[in-house]
Amino acid sequence: MSGGGGEPRRKLAGETVGKSLQELDDNGSVQEAPKSAATVAYRRACRDVARTADKLIWFGQRFFHIAMRIIGPCLVCLALGLKGFVTFTFFYYAMPELQHDMGLLVQSCISF
């Protein structure tokens, strides 16, 4: 949110709690800050929603990072297993069929 007039202030060593009563606008003249409780409540609600969304995004990123560190090696092992399965299937089932159909010379040329 922009730092407009009327934002709540925290109590520090002797300061009053609440909104500032006067602020300077762009021309340098003194302006009254909004005194509505609804405005303050709306700004607090927006701030709380922004903080909650920020926390949710942070937790989501953290979870995704950890999940990828666990799932990544598993996916690599799965890919290598599938590659091995396809290679085994080709050499065990397809190559003997090629030998019967086309001969040993064509079979050895295809396997390289």
N, C-alpha and C. Protein backbone atom coordinates (compact mmCIF):
# COMPACT_ATOMS: atom_id res chain seq x y z
N MET A 1 0.83 -1.19 0.00
CA MET A 1 0.00 0.00 0.00
C MET A 1 0.87 1.24 0.00
N SER A 2 0.35 2.28 -0.57
CA SER A 2 1.08 3.54 -0.56
C SER A 2 1.00 4.16 0.82
N GLY A 3 1.96 4.99 1.12
CA GLY A 3 2.02 5.60 2.44
C GLY A 3 1.16 6.83 2.53
N GLY A 4 -0.14 6.69 2.31
CA GLY A 4 -1.05 7.82 2.38
C GLY A 4 -1.30 8.25 3.80
N GLY A 5 -2.07 9.30 3.97
CA GLY A 5 -2.36 9.82 5.28
C GLY A 5 -3.26 8.90 6.08
N GLY A 6 -3.11 8.93 7.37
CA GLY A 6 -4.01 8.21 8.24
C GLY A 6 -3.60 6.79 8.54
N GLU A 7 -2.41 6.37 8.13
CA GLU A 7 -2.01 5.01 8.46
C GLU A 7 -1.70 4.94 9.95
N PRO A 8 -2.03 3.83 10.57
CA PRO A 8 -1.81 3.72 12.02
C PRO A 8 -0.32 3.74 12.35
N ARG A 9 -0.01 4.27 13.50
CA ARG A 9 1.37 4.31 13.97
C ARG A 9 1.49 3.45 15.21
N ARG A 10 2.66 2.91 15.41
CA ARG A 10 2.93 2.11 16.60
C ARG A 10 3.41 3.03 17.72
N LYS A 11 3.17 2.62 18.94
CA LYS A 11 3.56 3.43 20.08
C LYS A 11 5.05 3.23 20.34
N LEU A 12 5.77 4.31 20.30
CA LEU A 12 7.19 4.31 20.62
C LEU A 12 7.40 5.28 21.76
N ALA A 13 8.36 5.06 22.56
CA ALA A 13 8.74 5.87 23.72
C ALA A 13 8.03 7.22 23.81
N GLY A 14 6.83 7.22 24.32
CA GLY A 14 6.11 8.45 24.58
C GLY A 14 5.25 8.96 23.45
N GLU A 15 5.26 8.34 22.28
CA GLU A 15 4.41 8.80 21.19
C GLU A 15 2.99 8.33 21.41
N THR A 16 2.07 9.03 20.80
CA THR A 16 0.67 8.64 20.90
C THR A 16 0.37 7.55 19.89
N VAL A 17 -0.63 6.74 20.21
CA VAL A 17 -1.05 5.67 19.32
C VAL A 17 -2.16 6.21 18.44
N GLY A 18 -2.16 5.85 17.16
CA GLY A 18 -3.24 6.25 16.28
C GLY A 18 -2.72 6.89 15.01
N LYS A 19 -3.60 7.63 14.39
CA LYS A 19 -3.28 8.26 13.11
C LYS A 19 -2.68 9.64 13.33
N SER A 20 -1.90 10.05 12.34
CA SER A 20 -1.44 11.43 12.39
C SER A 20 -2.62 12.33 11.99
N LEU A 21 -2.72 13.47 12.61
CA LEU A 21 -3.86 14.34 12.33
C LEU A 21 -3.60 15.26 11.14
N GLN A 22 -2.35 15.55 10.86
CA GLN A 22 -2.06 16.45 9.76
C GLN A 22 -0.89 15.89 8.94
N GLU A 23 -0.97 16.07 7.63
CA GLU A 23 0.11 15.67 6.74
C GLU A 23 0.23 16.71 5.64
N LEU A 24 1.37 16.75 5.00
CA LEU A 24 1.60 17.69 3.92
C LEU A 24 1.27 17.02 2.60
N ASP A 25 0.57 17.73 1.73
CA ASP A 25 0.29 17.18 0.40
C ASP A 25 1.40 17.63 -0.56
N ASP A 26 1.20 17.41 -1.87
CA ASP A 26 2.22 17.73 -2.87
C ASP A 26 2.55 19.23 -2.92
N ASN A 27 1.60 20.07 -2.64
CA ASN A 27 1.81 21.53 -2.70
C ASN A 27 2.45 22.07 -1.43
N GLY A 28 2.57 21.26 -0.40
CA GLY A 28 3.16 21.73 0.85
C GLY A 28 2.13 22.24 1.84
N SER A 29 0.86 22.23 1.48
CA SER A 29 -0.16 22.71 2.40
C SER A 29 -0.58 21.58 3.35
N VAL A 30 -1.06 21.95 4.49
CA VAL A 30 -1.45 20.97 5.51
C VAL A 30 -2.84 20.44 5.18
N GLN A 31 -2.97 19.10 5.25
CA GLN A 31 -4.25 18.45 4.97
C GLN A 31 -4.65 17.60 6.15
N GLU A 32 -5.92 17.53 6.40
CA GLU A 32 -6.44 16.64 7.44
C GLU A 32 -6.38 15.20 6.94
N ALA A 33 -5.93 14.29 7.78
CA ALA A 33 -5.89 12.88 7.43
C ALA A 33 -7.28 12.28 7.65
N PRO A 34 -7.63 11.25 6.91
CA PRO A 34 -8.93 10.62 7.13
C PRO A 34 -9.03 10.08 8.54
N LYS A 35 -10.18 10.31 9.16
CA LYS A 35 -10.36 9.90 10.55
C LYS A 35 -11.29 8.70 10.66
N SER A 36 -11.71 8.16 9.55
CA SER A 36 -12.69 7.09 9.57
C SER A 36 -12.07 5.79 10.08
N ALA A 37 -12.79 5.14 10.97
CA ALA A 37 -12.35 3.84 11.49
C ALA A 37 -12.43 2.78 10.39
N ALA A 38 -13.35 2.97 9.46
CA ALA A 38 -13.49 2.02 8.35
C ALA A 38 -12.26 2.06 7.45
N THR A 39 -11.70 3.24 7.25
CA THR A 39 -10.50 3.37 6.42
C THR A 39 -9.33 2.65 7.07
N VAL A 40 -9.18 2.85 8.37
CA VAL A 40 -8.09 2.18 9.09
C VAL A 40 -8.29 0.68 9.06
N ALA A 41 -9.51 0.21 9.28
CA ALA A 41 -9.79 -1.22 9.26
C ALA A 41 -9.54 -1.81 7.88
N TYR A 42 -9.92 -1.08 6.84
CA TYR A 42 -9.68 -1.55 5.47
C TYR A 42 -8.19 -1.68 5.19
N ARG A 43 -7.42 -0.69 5.59
CA ARG A 43 -5.97 -0.74 5.36
C ARG A 43 -5.33 -1.87 6.14
N ARG A 44 -5.76 -2.08 7.37
CA ARG A 44 -5.22 -3.19 8.16
C ARG A 44 -5.58 -4.53 7.51
N ALA A 45 -6.80 -4.65 7.02
CA ALA A 45 -7.22 -5.89 6.37
C ALA A 45 -6.40 -6.15 5.11
N CYS A 46 -6.18 -5.11 4.32
CA CYS A 46 -5.35 -5.26 3.11
C CYS A 46 -3.93 -5.66 3.47
N ARG A 47 -3.39 -5.06 4.51
CA ARG A 47 -2.04 -5.40 4.96
C ARG A 47 -1.97 -6.85 5.43
N ASP A 48 -2.97 -7.29 6.18
CA ASP A 48 -3.00 -8.67 6.66
C ASP A 48 -3.15 -9.66 5.52
N VAL A 49 -3.97 -9.32 4.52
CA VAL A 49 -4.13 -10.20 3.36
C VAL A 49 -2.81 -10.30 2.59
N ALA A 50 -2.12 -9.18 2.43
CA ALA A 50 -0.83 -9.18 1.72
C ALA A 50 0.20 -10.01 2.48
N ARG A 51 0.24 -9.88 3.80
CA ARG A 51 1.19 -10.67 4.59
C ARG A 51 0.86 -12.16 4.52
N THR A 52 -0.42 -12.51 4.59
CA THR A 52 -0.82 -13.91 4.51
C THR A 52 -0.48 -14.49 3.14
N ALA A 53 -0.75 -13.74 2.09
CA ALA A 53 -0.41 -14.21 0.74
C ALA A 53 1.10 -14.40 0.60
N ASP A 54 1.87 -13.49 1.17
CA ASP A 54 3.32 -13.61 1.11
C ASP A 54 3.80 -14.87 1.84
N LYS A 55 3.22 -15.15 2.99
CA LYS A 55 3.60 -16.36 3.73
C LYS A 55 3.21 -17.62 2.97
N LEU A 56 2.03 -17.62 2.37
CA LEU A 56 1.60 -18.78 1.60
C LEU A 56 2.52 -19.03 0.40
N ILE A 57 2.89 -17.97 -0.28
CA ILE A 57 3.80 -18.11 -1.42
C ILE A 57 5.15 -18.62 -0.95
N TRP A 58 5.65 -18.11 0.17
CA TRP A 58 6.93 -18.56 0.70
C TRP A 58 6.88 -20.04 1.04
N PHE A 59 5.81 -20.49 1.72
CA PHE A 59 5.69 -21.91 2.06
C PHE A 59 5.55 -22.76 0.81
N GLY A 60 4.83 -22.27 -0.20
CA GLY A 60 4.69 -23.01 -1.45
C GLY A 60 6.03 -23.19 -2.15
N GLN A 61 6.83 -22.13 -2.19
CA GLN A 61 8.15 -22.22 -2.79
C GLN A 61 9.04 -23.20 -2.02
N ARG A 62 8.97 -23.13 -0.72
CA ARG A 62 9.78 -24.03 0.12
C ARG A 62 9.38 -25.49 -0.12
N PHE A 63 8.09 -25.77 -0.14
CA PHE A 63 7.60 -27.13 -0.38
C PHE A 63 8.02 -27.62 -1.76
N PHE A 64 7.88 -26.78 -2.78
CA PHE A 64 8.25 -27.15 -4.15
C PHE A 64 9.74 -27.46 -4.23
N HIS A 65 10.56 -26.65 -3.57
CA HIS A 65 12.01 -26.86 -3.58
C HIS A 65 12.36 -28.22 -2.97
N ILE A 66 11.78 -28.53 -1.83
CA ILE A 66 12.06 -29.82 -1.17
C ILE A 66 11.52 -30.98 -2.00
N ALA A 67 10.33 -30.83 -2.55
CA ALA A 67 9.73 -31.90 -3.35
C ALA A 67 10.57 -32.19 -4.59
N MET A 68 11.09 -31.15 -5.23
CA MET A 68 11.91 -31.37 -6.43
C MET A 68 13.23 -32.05 -6.09
N ARG A 69 13.77 -31.77 -4.92
CA ARG A 69 15.00 -32.45 -4.51
C ARG A 69 14.76 -33.93 -4.26
N ILE A 70 13.57 -34.29 -3.85
CA ILE A 70 13.25 -35.70 -3.62
C ILE A 70 12.81 -36.38 -4.91
N ILE A 71 11.96 -35.73 -5.68
CA ILE A 71 11.39 -36.35 -6.87
C ILE A 71 12.39 -36.40 -8.03
N GLY A 72 13.31 -35.45 -8.12
CA GLY A 72 14.25 -35.38 -9.22
C GLY A 72 15.05 -36.67 -9.43
N PRO A 73 15.75 -37.16 -8.41
CA PRO A 73 16.49 -38.40 -8.58
C PRO A 73 15.58 -39.60 -8.88
N CYS A 74 14.39 -39.61 -8.33
CA CYS A 74 13.44 -40.70 -8.62
C CYS A 74 13.06 -40.69 -10.10
N LEU A 75 12.84 -39.52 -10.66
CA LEU A 75 12.51 -39.43 -12.08
C LEU A 75 13.68 -39.83 -12.97
N VAL A 76 14.90 -39.52 -12.55
CA VAL A 76 16.07 -39.95 -13.31
C VAL A 76 16.17 -41.47 -13.32
N CYS A 77 15.96 -42.08 -12.15
CA CYS A 77 15.99 -43.56 -12.07
C CYS A 77 14.88 -44.17 -12.93
N LEU A 78 13.70 -43.57 -12.92
CA LEU A 78 12.60 -44.06 -13.74
C LEU A 78 12.95 -43.96 -15.23
N ALA A 79 13.55 -42.86 -15.65
CA ALA A 79 13.93 -42.69 -17.05
C ALA A 79 14.97 -43.73 -17.47
N LEU A 80 15.96 -43.97 -16.62
CA LEU A 80 16.97 -44.97 -16.95
C LEU A 80 16.37 -46.36 -17.00
N GLY A 81 15.44 -46.65 -16.09
CA GLY A 81 14.77 -47.95 -16.11
C GLY A 81 13.95 -48.16 -17.37
N LEU A 82 13.23 -47.12 -17.79
CA LEU A 82 12.44 -47.23 -19.02
C LEU A 82 13.34 -47.39 -20.25
N LYS A 83 14.45 -46.68 -20.26
CA LYS A 83 15.39 -46.82 -21.37
C LYS A 83 15.95 -48.24 -21.41
N GLY A 84 16.29 -48.78 -20.27
CA GLY A 84 16.78 -50.16 -20.21
C GLY A 84 15.72 -51.16 -20.65
N PHE A 85 14.47 -50.93 -20.25
CA PHE A 85 13.38 -51.82 -20.65
C PHE A 85 13.18 -51.82 -22.16
N VAL A 86 13.20 -50.64 -22.77
CA VAL A 86 13.03 -50.54 -24.22
C VAL A 86 14.20 -51.22 -24.93
N THR A 87 15.42 -51.01 -24.44
CA THR A 87 16.59 -51.64 -25.05
C THR A 87 16.51 -53.15 -24.95
N PHE A 88 16.16 -53.65 -23.77
CA PHE A 88 16.02 -55.10 -23.58
C PHE A 88 14.96 -55.68 -24.50
N THR A 89 13.82 -55.00 -24.57
CA THR A 89 12.73 -55.49 -25.42
C THR A 89 13.16 -55.54 -26.88
N PHE A 90 13.88 -54.52 -27.34
CA PHE A 90 14.33 -54.51 -28.74
C PHE A 90 15.28 -55.67 -29.01
N PHE A 91 16.31 -55.82 -28.16
CA PHE A 91 17.30 -56.87 -28.42
C PHE A 91 16.75 -58.27 -28.17
N TYR A 92 15.83 -58.42 -27.26
CA TYR A 92 15.34 -59.76 -26.92
C TYR A 92 14.23 -60.22 -27.86
N TYR A 93 13.35 -59.30 -28.29
CA TYR A 93 12.21 -59.68 -29.12
C TYR A 93 12.33 -59.25 -30.58
N ALA A 94 12.75 -58.02 -30.85
CA ALA A 94 12.73 -57.50 -32.21
C ALA A 94 13.93 -57.99 -33.04
N MET A 95 15.10 -58.07 -32.44
CA MET A 95 16.28 -58.50 -33.20
C MET A 95 16.17 -59.92 -33.74
N PRO A 96 15.69 -60.90 -32.98
CA PRO A 96 15.53 -62.24 -33.58
C PRO A 96 14.55 -62.25 -34.76
N GLU A 97 13.51 -61.42 -34.69
CA GLU A 97 12.57 -61.34 -35.80
C GLU A 97 13.23 -60.75 -37.04
N LEU A 98 14.09 -59.76 -36.84
CA LEU A 98 14.80 -59.16 -37.97
C LEU A 98 15.76 -60.16 -38.61
N GLN A 99 16.37 -61.00 -37.80
CA GLN A 99 17.29 -62.00 -38.34
C GLN A 99 16.55 -62.98 -39.24
N HIS A 100 15.36 -63.40 -38.83
CA HIS A 100 14.58 -64.33 -39.63
C HIS A 100 14.10 -63.68 -40.93
N ASP A 101 13.73 -62.39 -40.86
CA ASP A 101 13.18 -61.72 -42.04
C ASP A 101 14.26 -61.22 -43.00
N MET A 102 15.34 -60.61 -42.48
CA MET A 102 16.28 -59.92 -43.35
C MET A 102 17.69 -60.50 -43.35
N GLY A 103 18.00 -61.35 -42.45
CA GLY A 103 19.33 -61.96 -42.42
C GLY A 103 20.23 -61.35 -41.36
N LEU A 104 21.35 -62.01 -41.15
CA LEU A 104 22.29 -61.62 -40.10
C LEU A 104 23.00 -60.31 -40.42
N LEU A 105 23.32 -60.04 -41.68
CA LEU A 105 24.01 -58.81 -42.05
C LEU A 105 23.18 -57.57 -41.75
N VAL A 106 21.89 -57.59 -42.11
CA VAL A 106 21.00 -56.45 -41.84
C VAL A 106 20.78 -56.31 -40.35
N GLN A 107 20.68 -57.40 -39.63
CA GLN A 107 20.48 -57.35 -38.19
C GLN A 107 21.70 -56.70 -37.51
N SER A 108 22.89 -57.04 -37.90
CA SER A 108 24.09 -56.47 -37.28
C SER A 108 24.25 -54.99 -37.66
N CYS A 109 23.83 -54.58 -38.85
CA CYS A 109 23.91 -53.17 -39.26
C CYS A 109 22.93 -52.32 -38.46
N ILE A 110 21.75 -52.86 -38.21
CA ILE A 110 20.73 -52.10 -37.46
C ILE A 110 21.11 -51.96 -35.99
N SER A 111 21.78 -52.95 -35.42
CA SER A 111 22.09 -52.92 -33.99
C SER A 111 23.21 -51.93 -33.66
N PHE A 112 23.97 -51.47 -34.68
CA PHE A 112 25.02 -50.50 -34.39
C PHE A 112 24.49 -49.16 -34.53
